[in-house]
Every structure is written in structure tokens, then in C-alpha cells.
């Protein structure tokens, strides 16, 4: 009789340990830290772009050219810290509007007078080439960056509103003032996509 009681006590203890283990596993939650570096880079872009525009206004220089140079250099620096980072920027003044796409996704741009699709400078175009050689099918996949074909930037006439659609996320910008700069910064990490809006 004592052996049966000991057996049931041992089995009960094992069942309790298994149930406790399952409850512990079910209550376990993975919390991914926010990509602090991504947000730091976004804030840095915002601060530096403002300085570039101020410098261009002060010197009377070609502000769009200064911004273009700045964005190119900024992205070289940013890719060292976050290889997945990309951005779309909007710069405008009283006479023109420039929208440039330095990301991996194509973007739709709509103003009061125009609609266009801007290829991302890092977006990929995949082509499949197939040939029939002596009755045997031979194929090759060619991956090229769309940016080499151009169309990562568009210059439009003055506008009061711009709508940008990137990855089915729509951003509306109300363009006011003599000089303005907006950017949508995007990155991906561990299956998550992060956006930062600079206004």
C-alpha cells in the first residue's frame, strides 16, 4: 500500500512540473527593443538637413544641389550603422518641388497636377532570361537596381499638397512657406518595419 501511495505522489509531482513548465512557456513574451539607432539617425537627418538649407539660403547657393549632396553623404554614413535604411525626401520652394526616393520600395507621388511613380534607388528589378539550346531550356535570373535606369527623382512645379504612397502607407504633406523639407525614413529589422516622419 505504501508503494502505491509513493507512486501516486511521484506521478502527481511530475504532472505538476509539466503543467507549471507549460504555463511558464505560454506566459513568455519576446519584447524586441526599439531600434534606437534608427531613430537617432532620423533625428540627425532632421537637424543636418535644416542646417544645409539655412547654409544655402545664407550663401545664396543652389539649395537643391546642396541637399542632394548632403543626402548622398548621409546615406553612406547611415548605411554603415543601419544597412536597411532608406528615405524619400521632399524639398520645395516658391517655384519648384523635388521628390527623391532613396529606398528599396517604389513610391507613388501625387500632387494637384501630377501623378508619378518613383523607383527606389535601391529597388530591384528582376528579369528572367530563357533560351532553348539544343532542345534544353537554359535560364538566368538578372537582378539590377532600378535606380540605374533613373527616375528616382522628379522635379515638379509649385504645389500646395503632396501625397506619397510607400508600401501602402500614405503620407500627406501640406507645403507651406518659402523653403520646406520633409522626409520619410524607413528601415527593417528582425521582420519588423519602422518608419520615421521628418517634418
Foldseek 3Di string as FASTA:
>chain_A
DVVVVVVVVVVVVVVVVVVVVVVVVVPDDDDDDDPVLLVVLVVVCLVVLVVLQVVCVVVVHDSVVSNVVVVVVSVVVSCVVAVQKWKWKWKDFQWKIKIFTQHQWWKWKDFPVDTDIAFHQAHKDKDKDWDQDPNDIDIDIDIDGCCVVPRRMDMGTDGQKMWMATPNDIDIDGDDDGIDMKMWMWGDDPRDIDIDIRD
